[in-house]
Amino acid sequence: MKPGNSNKDLLAPTRKVVERALILPLIGLLLLIPPIARIFESDSRLSGIPFTLLYLFFVWAVLIVAAARLSSRLQNLDDREPDQETETTESTESQQ
């Protein structure tokens, strides 16, 4: 660990990822509620598929991809934290 880093510097990426993970379901809810989904309601079709159906599946797929990326980041942070704790413990022990 670099001497200038503090615990706040280490927790900043964790906090951002956790906040994004908490906000993602709310964004999904907002994009899928009927008043928003009805904005895309029309008789137009793309390759014979109604545009409304394409919108719903597109939002669903984006939410799945975003959730997968966030979960992998959270997993990486969980894997990384014990190493940082031991480094912090070792550095405080060597300073004493």
PDB file of N, CA and C in Angstrom:
ATOM      1  N   MET A   1       0.838  -1.162   0.000  1.00  0.00           N
ATOM      2  CA  MET A   1       0.000   0.000   0.000  1.00  0.00           C
ATOM      3  C   MET A   1       0.891   1.236   0.000  1.00  0.00           C
ATOM      4  N   LYS A   2       0.521   2.253  -0.725  1.00  0.00           N
ATOM      5  CA  LYS A   2       1.303   3.473  -0.780  1.00  0.00           C
ATOM      6  C   LYS A   2       1.123   4.251   0.516  1.00  0.00           C
ATOM      7  N   PRO A   3       2.155   4.974   0.951  1.00  0.00           N
ATOM      8  CA  PRO A   3       2.063   5.692   2.214  1.00  0.00           C
ATOM      9  C   PRO A   3       0.996   6.772   2.227  1.00  0.00           C
ATOM     10  N   GLY A   4       0.694   7.391   1.100  1.00  0.00           N
ATOM     11  CA  GLY A   4      -0.271   8.483   1.075  1.00  0.00           C
ATOM     12  C   GLY A   4      -1.718   8.030   1.080  1.00  0.00           C
ATOM     13  N   ASN A   5      -2.001   6.758   0.837  1.00  0.00           N
ATOM     14  CA  ASN A   5      -3.377   6.275   0.769  1.00  0.00           C
ATOM     15  C   ASN A   5      -3.965   6.132   2.161  1.00  0.00           C
ATOM     16  N   SER A   6      -5.223   6.475   2.265  1.00  0.00           N
ATOM     17  CA  SER A   6      -5.926   6.305   3.527  1.00  0.00           C
ATOM     18  C   SER A   6      -7.048   5.297   3.317  1.00  0.00           C
ATOM     19  N   ASN A   7      -7.726   4.965   4.391  1.00  0.00           N
ATOM     20  CA  ASN A   7      -8.851   4.026   4.279  1.00  0.00           C
ATOM     21  C   ASN A   7      -9.974   4.614   3.441  1.00  0.00           C
ATOM     22  N   LYS A   8     -10.130   5.948   3.456  1.00  0.00           N
ATOM     23  CA  LYS A   8     -11.162   6.576   2.633  1.00  0.00           C
ATOM     24  C   LYS A   8     -10.888   6.329   1.158  1.00  0.00           C
ATOM     25  N   ASP A   9      -9.616   6.393   0.755  1.00  0.00           N
ATOM     26  CA  ASP A   9      -9.258   6.133  -0.644  1.00  0.00           C
ATOM     27  C   ASP A   9      -9.598   4.706  -1.042  1.00  0.00           C
ATOM     28  N   LEU A  10      -9.443   3.783  -0.121  1.00  0.00           N
ATOM     29  CA  LEU A  10      -9.729   2.381  -0.416  1.00  0.00           C
ATOM     30  C   LEU A  10     -11.218   2.115  -0.460  1.00  0.00           C
ATOM     31  N   LEU A  11     -12.011   2.850   0.321  1.00  0.00           N
ATOM     32  CA  LEU A  11     -13.443   2.605   0.385  1.00  0.00           C
ATOM     33  C   LEU A  11     -14.210   3.327  -0.714  1.00  0.00           C
ATOM     34  N   ALA A  12     -13.616   4.322  -1.358  1.00  0.00           N
ATOM     35  CA  ALA A  12     -14.319   5.081  -2.382  1.00  0.00           C
ATOM     36  C   ALA A  12     -14.816   4.202  -3.527  1.00  0.00           C
ATOM     37  N   PRO A  13     -13.980   3.342  -4.134  1.00  0.00           N
ATOM     38  CA  PRO A  13     -14.508   2.486  -5.215  1.00  0.00           C
ATOM     39  C   PRO A  13     -15.579   1.519  -4.712  1.00  0.00           C
ATOM     40  N   THR A  14     -15.413   1.019  -3.502  1.00  0.00           N
ATOM     41  CA  THR A  14     -16.398   0.104  -2.942  1.00  0.00           C
ATOM     42  C   THR A  14     -17.740   0.796  -2.794  1.00  0.00           C
ATOM     43  N   ARG A  15     -17.724   1.993  -2.269  1.00  0.00           N
ATOM     44  CA  ARG A  15     -18.963   2.741  -2.052  1.00  0.00           C
ATOM     45  C   ARG A  15     -19.662   3.025  -3.381  1.00  0.00           C
ATOM     46  N   LYS A  16     -18.898   3.401  -4.410  1.00  0.00           N
ATOM     47  CA  LYS A  16     -19.498   3.693  -5.712  1.00  0.00           C
ATOM     48  C   LYS A  16     -20.162   2.461  -6.310  1.00  0.00           C
ATOM     49  N   VAL A  17     -19.497   1.333  -6.227  1.00  0.00           N
ATOM     50  CA  VAL A  17     -20.057   0.104  -6.800  1.00  0.00           C
ATOM     51  C   VAL A  17     -21.308  -0.319  -6.033  1.00  0.00           C
ATOM     52  N   VAL A  18     -21.276  -0.204  -4.725  1.00  0.00           N
ATOM     53  CA  VAL A  18     -22.442  -0.571  -3.910  1.00  0.00           C
ATOM     54  C   VAL A  18     -23.607   0.364  -4.215  1.00  0.00           C
ATOM     55  N   GLU A  19     -23.330   1.656  -4.354  1.00  0.00           N
ATOM     56  CA  GLU A  19     -24.397   2.599  -4.678  1.00  0.00           C
ATOM     57  C   GLU A  19     -25.007   2.293  -6.047  1.00  0.00           C
ATOM     58  N   ARG A  20     -24.171   1.956  -7.003  1.00  0.00           N
ATOM     59  CA  ARG A  20     -24.681   1.595  -8.328  1.00  0.00           C
ATOM     60  C   ARG A  20     -25.521   0.327  -8.268  1.00  0.00           C
ATOM     61  N   ALA A  21     -25.104  -0.616  -7.450  1.00  0.00           N
ATOM     62  CA  ALA A  21     -25.868  -1.866  -7.306  1.00  0.00           C
ATOM     63  C   ALA A  21     -27.226  -1.602  -6.657  1.00  0.00           C
ATOM     64  N   LEU A  22     -27.293  -0.623  -5.785  1.00  0.00           N
ATOM     65  CA  LEU A  22     -28.574  -0.284  -5.156  1.00  0.00           C
ATOM     66  C   LEU A  22     -29.484   0.503  -6.092  1.00  0.00           C
ATOM     67  N   ILE A  23     -28.894   1.289  -6.970  1.00  0.00           N
ATOM     68  CA  ILE A  23     -29.682   2.127  -7.873  1.00  0.00           C
ATOM     69  C   ILE A  23     -30.177   1.348  -9.086  1.00  0.00           C
ATOM     70  N   LEU A  24     -29.472   0.322  -9.496  1.00  0.00           N
ATOM     71  CA  LEU A  24     -29.831  -0.437 -10.702  1.00  0.00           C
ATOM     72  C   LEU A  24     -31.279  -0.959 -10.684  1.00  0.00           C
ATOM     73  N   PRO A  25     -31.760  -1.578  -9.614  1.00  0.00           N
ATOM     74  CA  PRO A  25     -33.162  -2.029  -9.631  1.00  0.00           C
ATOM     75  C   PRO A  25     -34.160  -0.873  -9.761  1.00  0.00           C
ATOM     76  N   LEU A  26     -33.814   0.274  -9.190  1.00  0.00           N
ATOM     77  CA  LEU A  26     -34.707   1.432  -9.310  1.00  0.00           C
ATOM     78  C   LEU A  26     -34.768   1.932 -10.755  1.00  0.00           C
ATOM     79  N   ILE A  27     -33.634   1.946 -11.419  1.00  0.00           N
ATOM     80  CA  ILE A  27     -33.613   2.343 -12.825  1.00  0.00           C
ATOM     81  C   ILE A  27     -34.435   1.358 -13.653  1.00  0.00           C
ATOM     82  N   GLY A  28     -34.269   0.065 -13.376  1.00  0.00           N
ATOM     83  CA  GLY A  28     -35.050  -0.953 -14.079  1.00  0.00           C
ATOM     84  C   GLY A  28     -36.534  -0.782 -13.854  1.00  0.00           C
ATOM     85  N   LEU A  29     -36.896  -0.497 -12.621  1.00  0.00           N
ATOM     86  CA  LEU A  29     -38.305  -0.284 -12.295  1.00  0.00           C
ATOM     87  C   LEU A  29     -38.861   0.912 -13.053  1.00  0.00           C
ATOM     88  N   LEU A  30     -38.099   2.006 -13.066  1.00  0.00           N
ATOM     89  CA  LEU A  30     -38.562   3.197 -13.769  1.00  0.00           C
ATOM     90  C   LEU A  30     -38.707   2.971 -15.262  1.00  0.00           C
ATOM     91  N   LEU A  31     -37.778   2.222 -15.855  1.00  0.00           N
ATOM     92  CA  LEU A  31     -37.843   1.988 -17.296  1.00  0.00           C
ATOM     93  C   LEU A  31     -38.937   1.003 -17.698  1.00  0.00           C
ATOM     94  N   LEU A  32     -39.381   0.178 -16.756  1.00  0.00           N
ATOM     95  CA  LEU A  32     -40.372  -0.841 -17.102  1.00  0.00           C
ATOM     96  C   LEU A  32     -41.787  -0.536 -16.617  1.00  0.00           C
ATOM     97  N   ILE A  33     -41.979   0.554 -15.879  1.00  0.00           N
ATOM     98  CA  ILE A  33     -43.342   0.860 -15.437  1.00  0.00           C
ATOM     99  C   ILE A  33     -44.172   1.257 -16.666  1.00  0.00           C
ATOM    100  N   PRO A  34     -45.457   0.960 -16.633  1.00  0.00           N
ATOM    101  CA  PRO A  34     -46.297   1.190 -17.816  1.00  0.00           C
ATOM    102  C   PRO A  34     -46.264   2.609 -18.392  1.00  0.00           C
ATOM    103  N   PRO A  35     -46.276   3.678 -17.585  1.00  0.00           N
ATOM    104  CA  PRO A  35     -46.254   5.005 -18.237  1.00  0.00           C
ATOM    105  C   PRO A  35     -45.011   5.239 -19.102  1.00  0.00           C
ATOM    106  N   ILE A  36     -43.873   4.763 -18.690  1.00  0.00           N
ATOM    107  CA  ILE A  36     -42.657   4.926 -19.490  1.00  0.00           C
ATOM    108  C   ILE A  36     -42.675   3.953 -20.671  1.00  0.00           C
ATOM    109  N   ALA A  37     -43.063   2.719 -20.411  1.00  0.00           N
ATOM    110  CA  ALA A  37     -43.092   1.720 -21.488  1.00  0.00           C
ATOM    111  C   ALA A  37     -44.100   2.103 -22.569  1.00  0.00           C
ATOM    112  N   ARG A  38     -45.159   2.799 -22.201  1.00  0.00           N
ATOM    113  CA  ARG A  38     -46.176   3.195 -23.194  1.00  0.00           C
ATOM    114  C   ARG A  38     -45.673   4.290 -24.132  1.00  0.00           C
ATOM    115  N   ILE A  39     -44.608   4.972 -23.748  1.00  0.00           N
ATOM    116  CA  ILE A  39     -44.029   5.969 -24.645  1.00  0.00           C
ATOM    117  C   ILE A  39     -43.620   5.287 -25.952  1.00  0.00           C
ATOM    118  N   PHE A  40     -43.161   4.048 -25.847  1.00  0.00           N
ATOM    119  CA  PHE A  40     -42.680   3.308 -27.007  1.00  0.00           C
ATOM    120  C   PHE A  40     -43.772   2.470 -27.663  1.00  0.00           C
ATOM    121  N   GLU A  41     -44.992   2.616 -27.191  1.00  0.00           N
ATOM    122  CA  GLU A  41     -46.104   1.855 -27.751  1.00  0.00           C
ATOM    123  C   GLU A  41     -46.530   2.475 -29.086  1.00  0.00           C
ATOM    124  N   SER A  42     -46.449   1.680 -30.102  1.00  0.00           N
ATOM    125  CA  SER A  42     -46.881   2.133 -31.427  1.00  0.00           C
ATOM    126  C   SER A  42     -47.173   0.905 -32.285  1.00  0.00           C
ATOM    127  N   ASP A  43     -47.715   1.166 -33.456  1.00  0.00           N
ATOM    128  CA  ASP A  43     -48.007   0.068 -34.379  1.00  0.00           C
ATOM    129  C   ASP A  43     -46.808  -0.287 -35.243  1.00  0.00           C
ATOM    130  N   SER A  44     -45.715   0.450 -35.075  1.00  0.00           N
ATOM    131  CA  SER A  44     -44.543   0.176 -35.916  1.00  0.00           C
ATOM    132  C   SER A  44     -43.874  -1.124 -35.486  1.00  0.00           C
ATOM    133  N   ARG A  45     -43.267  -1.759 -36.468  1.00  0.00           N
ATOM    134  CA  ARG A  45     -42.616  -3.044 -36.245  1.00  0.00           C
ATOM    135  C   ARG A  45     -41.232  -3.025 -36.870  1.00  0.00           C
ATOM    136  N   LEU A  46     -40.362  -3.811 -36.284  1.00  0.00           N
ATOM    137  CA  LEU A  46     -39.033  -3.981 -36.832  1.00  0.00           C
ATOM    138  C   LEU A  46     -38.849  -5.469 -37.087  1.00  0.00           C
ATOM    139  N   SER A  47     -38.738  -5.849 -38.332  1.00  0.00           N
ATOM    140  CA  SER A  47     -38.662  -7.261 -38.745  1.00  0.00           C
ATOM    141  C   SER A  47     -39.865  -8.059 -38.239  1.00  0.00           C
ATOM    142  N   GLY A  48     -41.020  -7.415 -38.210  1.00  0.00           N
ATOM    143  CA  GLY A  48     -42.248  -8.080 -37.799  1.00  0.00           C
ATOM    144  C   GLY A  48     -42.462  -8.137 -36.295  1.00  0.00           C
ATOM    145  N   ILE A  49     -41.522  -7.603 -35.514  1.00  0.00           N
ATOM    146  CA  ILE A  49     -41.637  -7.619 -34.052  1.00  0.00           C
ATOM    147  C   ILE A  49     -42.083  -6.235 -33.582  1.00  0.00           C
ATOM    148  N   PRO A  50     -43.145  -6.166 -32.768  1.00  0.00           N
ATOM    149  CA  PRO A  50     -43.609  -4.859 -32.283  1.00  0.00           C
ATOM    150  C   PRO A  50     -42.505  -4.122 -31.525  1.00  0.00           C
ATOM    151  N   PHE A  51     -42.434  -2.801 -31.752  1.00  0.00           N
ATOM    152  CA  PHE A  51     -41.397  -1.987 -31.147  1.00  0.00           C
ATOM    153  C   PHE A  51     -41.474  -2.012 -29.612  1.00  0.00           C
ATOM    154  N   THR A  52     -42.670  -2.100 -29.065  1.00  0.00           N
ATOM    155  CA  THR A  52     -42.836  -2.162 -27.612  1.00  0.00           C
ATOM    156  C   THR A  52     -42.152  -3.402 -27.040  1.00  0.00           C
ATOM    157  N   LEU A  53     -42.326  -4.517 -27.704  1.00  0.00           N
ATOM    158  CA  LEU A  53     -41.701  -5.759 -27.264  1.00  0.00           C
ATOM    159  C   LEU A  53     -40.181  -5.663 -27.354  1.00  0.00           C
ATOM    160  N   LEU A  54     -39.678  -5.062 -28.425  1.00  0.00           N
ATOM    161  CA  LEU A  54     -38.234  -4.854 -28.554  1.00  0.00           C
ATOM    162  C   LEU A  54     -37.700  -3.974 -27.428  1.00  0.00           C
ATOM    163  N   TYR A  55     -38.441  -2.919 -27.086  1.00  0.00           N
ATOM    164  CA  TYR A  55     -38.031  -2.035 -25.996  1.00  0.00           C
ATOM    165  C   TYR A  55     -37.941  -2.815 -24.680  1.00  0.00           C
ATOM    166  N   LEU A  56     -38.960  -3.590 -24.373  1.00  0.00           N
ATOM    167  CA  LEU A  56     -38.975  -4.333 -23.111  1.00  0.00           C
ATOM    168  C   LEU A  56     -37.820  -5.333 -23.028  1.00  0.00           C
ATOM    169  N   PHE A  57     -37.570  -6.061 -24.113  1.00  0.00           N
ATOM    170  CA  PHE A  57     -36.472  -7.016 -24.098  1.00  0.00           C
ATOM    171  C   PHE A  57     -35.111  -6.326 -24.080  1.00  0.00           C
ATOM    172  N   PHE A  58     -34.999  -5.187 -24.735  1.00  0.00           N
ATOM    173  CA  PHE A  58     -33.743  -4.437 -24.712  1.00  0.00           C
ATOM    174  C   PHE A  58     -33.435  -3.960 -23.294  1.00  0.00           C
ATOM    175  N   VAL A  59     -34.418  -3.374 -22.613  1.00  0.00           N
ATOM    176  CA  VAL A  59     -34.216  -2.914 -21.232  1.00  0.00           C
ATOM    177  C   VAL A  59     -33.868  -4.096 -20.339  1.00  0.00           C
ATOM    178  N   TRP A  60     -34.561  -5.191 -20.507  1.00  0.00           N
ATOM    179  CA  TRP A  60     -34.311  -6.398 -19.715  1.00  0.00           C
ATOM    180  C   TRP A  60     -32.878  -6.891 -19.916  1.00  0.00           C
ATOM    181  N   ALA A  61     -32.438  -6.936 -21.167  1.00  0.00           N
ATOM    182  CA  ALA A  61     -31.075  -7.405 -21.465  1.00  0.00           C
ATOM    183  C   ALA A  61     -30.022  -6.454 -20.891  1.00  0.00           C
ATOM    184  N   VAL A  62     -30.259  -5.156 -21.007  1.00  0.00           N
ATOM    185  CA  VAL A  62     -29.312  -4.178 -20.459  1.00  0.00           C
ATOM    186  C   VAL A  62     -29.223  -4.311 -18.939  1.00  0.00           C
ATOM    187  N   LEU A  63     -30.351  -4.522 -18.295  1.00  0.00           N
ATOM    188  CA  LEU A  63     -30.344  -4.707 -16.835  1.00  0.00           C
ATOM    189  C   LEU A  63     -29.570  -5.964 -16.432  1.00  0.00           C
ATOM    190  N   ILE A  64     -29.712  -7.030 -17.198  1.00  0.00           N
ATOM    191  CA  ILE A  64     -28.985  -8.271 -16.898  1.00  0.00           C
ATOM    192  C   ILE A  64     -27.482  -8.058 -17.057  1.00  0.00           C
ATOM    193  N   VAL A  65     -27.076  -7.409 -18.136  1.00  0.00           N
ATOM    194  CA  VAL A  65     -25.650  -7.157 -18.366  1.00  0.00           C
ATOM    195  C   VAL A  65     -25.090  -6.244 -17.276  1.00  0.00           C
ATOM    196  N   ALA A  66     -25.826  -5.193 -16.932  1.00  0.00           N
ATOM    197  CA  ALA A  66     -25.365  -4.274 -15.877  1.00  0.00           C
ATOM    198  C   ALA A  66     -25.255  -4.987 -14.535  1.00  0.00           C
ATOM    199  N   ALA A  67     -26.218  -5.837 -14.221  1.00  0.00           N
ATOM    200  CA  ALA A  67     -26.171  -6.581 -12.965  1.00  0.00           C
ATOM    201  C   ALA A  67     -24.987  -7.547 -12.942  1.00  0.00           C
ATOM    202  N   ALA A  68     -24.701  -8.173 -14.066  1.00  0.00           N
ATOM    203  CA  ALA A  68     -23.563  -9.095 -14.125  1.00  0.00           C
ATOM    204  C   ALA A  68     -22.246  -8.350 -13.933  1.00  0.00           C
ATOM    205  N   ARG A  69     -22.108  -7.203 -14.565  1.00  0.00           N
ATOM    206  CA  ARG A  69     -20.882  -6.414 -14.407  1.00  0.00           C
ATOM    207  C   ARG A  69     -20.722  -5.926 -12.970  1.00  0.00           C
ATOM    208  N   LEU A  70     -21.816  -5.452 -12.383  1.00  0.00           N
ATOM    209  CA  LEU A  70     -21.739  -4.977 -10.999  1.00  0.00           C
ATOM    210  C   LEU A  70     -21.429  -6.113 -10.036  1.00  0.00           C
ATOM    211  N   SER A  71     -22.023  -7.270 -10.274  1.00  0.00           N
ATOM    212  CA  SER A  71     -21.760  -8.386  -9.361  1.00  0.00           C
ATOM    213  C   SER A  71     -20.309  -8.849  -9.461  1.00  0.00           C
ATOM    214  N   SER A  72     -19.743  -8.808 -10.672  1.00  0.00           N
ATOM    215  CA  SER A  72     -18.330  -9.193 -10.790  1.00  0.00           C
ATOM    216  C   SER A  72     -17.431  -8.166 -10.113  1.00  0.00           C
ATOM    217  N   ARG A  73     -17.784  -6.892 -10.214  1.00  0.00           N
ATOM    218  CA  ARG A  73     -17.006  -5.860  -9.518  1.00  0.00           C
ATOM    219  C   ARG A  73     -17.114  -6.019  -8.006  1.00  0.00           C
ATOM    220  N   LEU A  74     -18.316  -6.309  -7.529  1.00  0.00           N
ATOM    221  CA  LEU A  74     -18.490  -6.526  -6.087  1.00  0.00           C
ATOM    222  C   LEU A  74     -17.692  -7.735  -5.630  1.00  0.00           C
ATOM    223  N   GLN A  75     -17.683  -8.788  -6.445  1.00  0.00           N
ATOM    224  CA  GLN A  75     -16.909  -9.982  -6.105  1.00  0.00           C
ATOM    225  C   GLN A  75     -15.426  -9.658  -6.063  1.00  0.00           C
ATOM    226  N   ASN A  76     -14.937  -8.875  -7.040  1.00  0.00           N
ATOM    227  CA  ASN A  76     -13.533  -8.480  -7.063  1.00  0.00           C
ATOM    228  C   ASN A  76     -13.176  -7.648  -5.837  1.00  0.00           C
ATOM    229  N   LEU A  77     -14.080  -6.776  -5.423  1.00  0.00           N
ATOM    230  CA  LEU A  77     -13.826  -5.967  -4.232  1.00  0.00           C
ATOM    231  C   LEU A  77     -13.797  -6.839  -2.984  1.00  0.00           C
ATOM    232  N   ASP A  78     -14.690  -7.822  -2.917  1.00  0.00           N
ATOM    233  CA  ASP A  78     -14.704  -8.732  -1.767  1.00  0.00           C
ATOM    234  C   ASP A  78     -13.429  -9.556  -1.715  1.00  0.00           C
ATOM    235  N   ASP A  79     -12.945  -9.978  -2.875  1.00  0.00           N
ATOM    236  CA  ASP A  79     -11.706 -10.760  -2.927  1.00  0.00           C
ATOM    237  C   ASP A  79     -10.498  -9.917  -2.555  1.00  0.00           C
ATOM    238  N   ARG A  80     -10.538  -8.636  -2.878  1.00  0.00           N
ATOM    239  CA  ARG A  80      -9.404  -7.752  -2.662  1.00  0.00           C
ATOM    240  C   ARG A  80      -9.311  -7.260  -1.221  1.00  0.00           C
ATOM    241  N   GLU A  81     -10.420  -7.098  -0.537  1.00  0.00           N
ATOM    242  CA  GLU A  81     -10.433  -6.503   0.799  1.00  0.00           C
ATOM    243  C   GLU A  81      -9.592  -7.243   1.835  1.00  0.00           C
ATOM    244  N   PRO A  82      -9.611  -8.569   1.922  1.00  0.00           N
ATOM    245  CA  PRO A  82      -8.775  -9.219   2.934  1.00  0.00           C
ATOM    246  C   PRO A  82      -7.283  -8.931   2.744  1.00  0.00           C
ATOM    247  N   ASP A  83      -6.813  -8.847   1.498  1.00  0.00           N
ATOM    248  CA  ASP A  83      -5.417  -8.527   1.240  1.00  0.00           C
ATOM    249  C   ASP A  83      -5.078  -7.131   1.743  1.00  0.00           C
ATOM    250  N   GLN A  84      -5.970  -6.194   1.534  1.00  0.00           N
ATOM    251  CA  GLN A  84      -5.726  -4.835   1.977  1.00  0.00           C
ATOM    252  C   GLN A  84      -5.723  -4.753   3.497  1.00  0.00           C
ATOM    253  N   GLU A  85      -6.600  -5.527   4.136  1.00  0.00           N
ATOM    254  CA  GLU A  85      -6.630  -5.527   5.593  1.00  0.00           C
ATOM    255  C   GLU A  85      -5.329  -6.074   6.166  1.00  0.00           C
ATOM    256  N   THR A  86      -4.782  -7.118   5.569  1.00  0.00           N
ATOM    257  CA  THR A  86      -3.528  -7.672   6.067  1.00  0.00           C
ATOM    258  C   THR A  86      -2.383  -6.709   5.812  1.00  0.00           C
ATOM    259  N   GLU A  87      -2.396  -5.997   4.663  1.00  0.00           N
ATOM    260  CA  GLU A  87      -1.364  -5.004   4.396  1.00  0.00           C
ATOM    261  C   GLU A  87      -1.427  -3.878   5.411  1.00  0.00           C
ATOM    262  N   THR A  88      -2.640  -3.439   5.742  1.00  0.00           N
ATOM    263  CA  THR A  88      -2.812  -2.367   6.714  1.00  0.00           C
ATOM    264  C   THR A  88      -2.332  -2.832   8.080  1.00  0.00           C
ATOM    265  N   THR A  89      -2.664  -4.054   8.453  1.00  0.00           N
ATOM    266  CA  THR A  89      -2.238  -4.597   9.740  1.00  0.00           C
ATOM    267  C   THR A  89      -0.725  -4.726   9.783  1.00  0.00           C
ATOM    268  N   GLU A  90      -0.122  -5.210   8.699  1.00  0.00           N
ATOM    269  CA  GLU A  90       1.327  -5.368   8.657  1.00  0.00           C
ATOM    270  C   GLU A  90       2.019  -4.019   8.722  1.00  0.00           C
ATOM    271  N   SER A  91       1.490  -3.004   8.053  1.00  0.00           N
ATOM    272  CA  SER A  91       2.132  -1.698   8.064  1.00  0.00           C
ATOM    273  C   SER A  91       2.023  -1.033   9.436  1.00  0.00           C
ATOM    274  N   THR A  92       0.906  -1.227  10.133  1.00  0.00           N
ATOM    275  CA  THR A  92       0.778  -0.639  11.480  1.00  0.00           C
ATOM    276  C   THR A  92       1.661  -1.381  12.467  1.00  0.00           C
ATOM    277  N   GLU A  93       1.832  -2.697  12.284  1.00  0.00           N
ATOM    278  CA  GLU A  93       2.711  -3.453  13.168  1.00  0.00           C
ATOM    279  C   GLU A  93       4.168  -3.057  12.961  1.00  0.00           C
ATOM    280  N   SER A  94       4.559  -2.803  11.704  1.00  0.00           N
ATOM    281  CA  SER A  94       5.944  -2.437  11.437  1.00  0.00           C
ATOM    282  C   SER A  94       6.263  -1.023  11.913  1.00  0.00           C
ATOM    283  N   GLN A  95       5.239  -0.171  11.992  1.00  0.00           N
ATOM    284  CA  GLN A  95       5.431   1.187  12.462  1.00  0.00           C
ATOM    285  C   GLN A  95       5.611   1.223  13.984  1.00  0.00           C
ATOM    286  N   GLN A  96       5.090   0.237  14.680  1.00  0.00           N
ATOM    287  CA  GLN A  96       5.166   0.227  16.149  1.00  0.00           C
ATOM    288  C   GLN A  96       6.464  -0.262  16.590  1.00  0.00           C
TER     289      GLN A  96
END
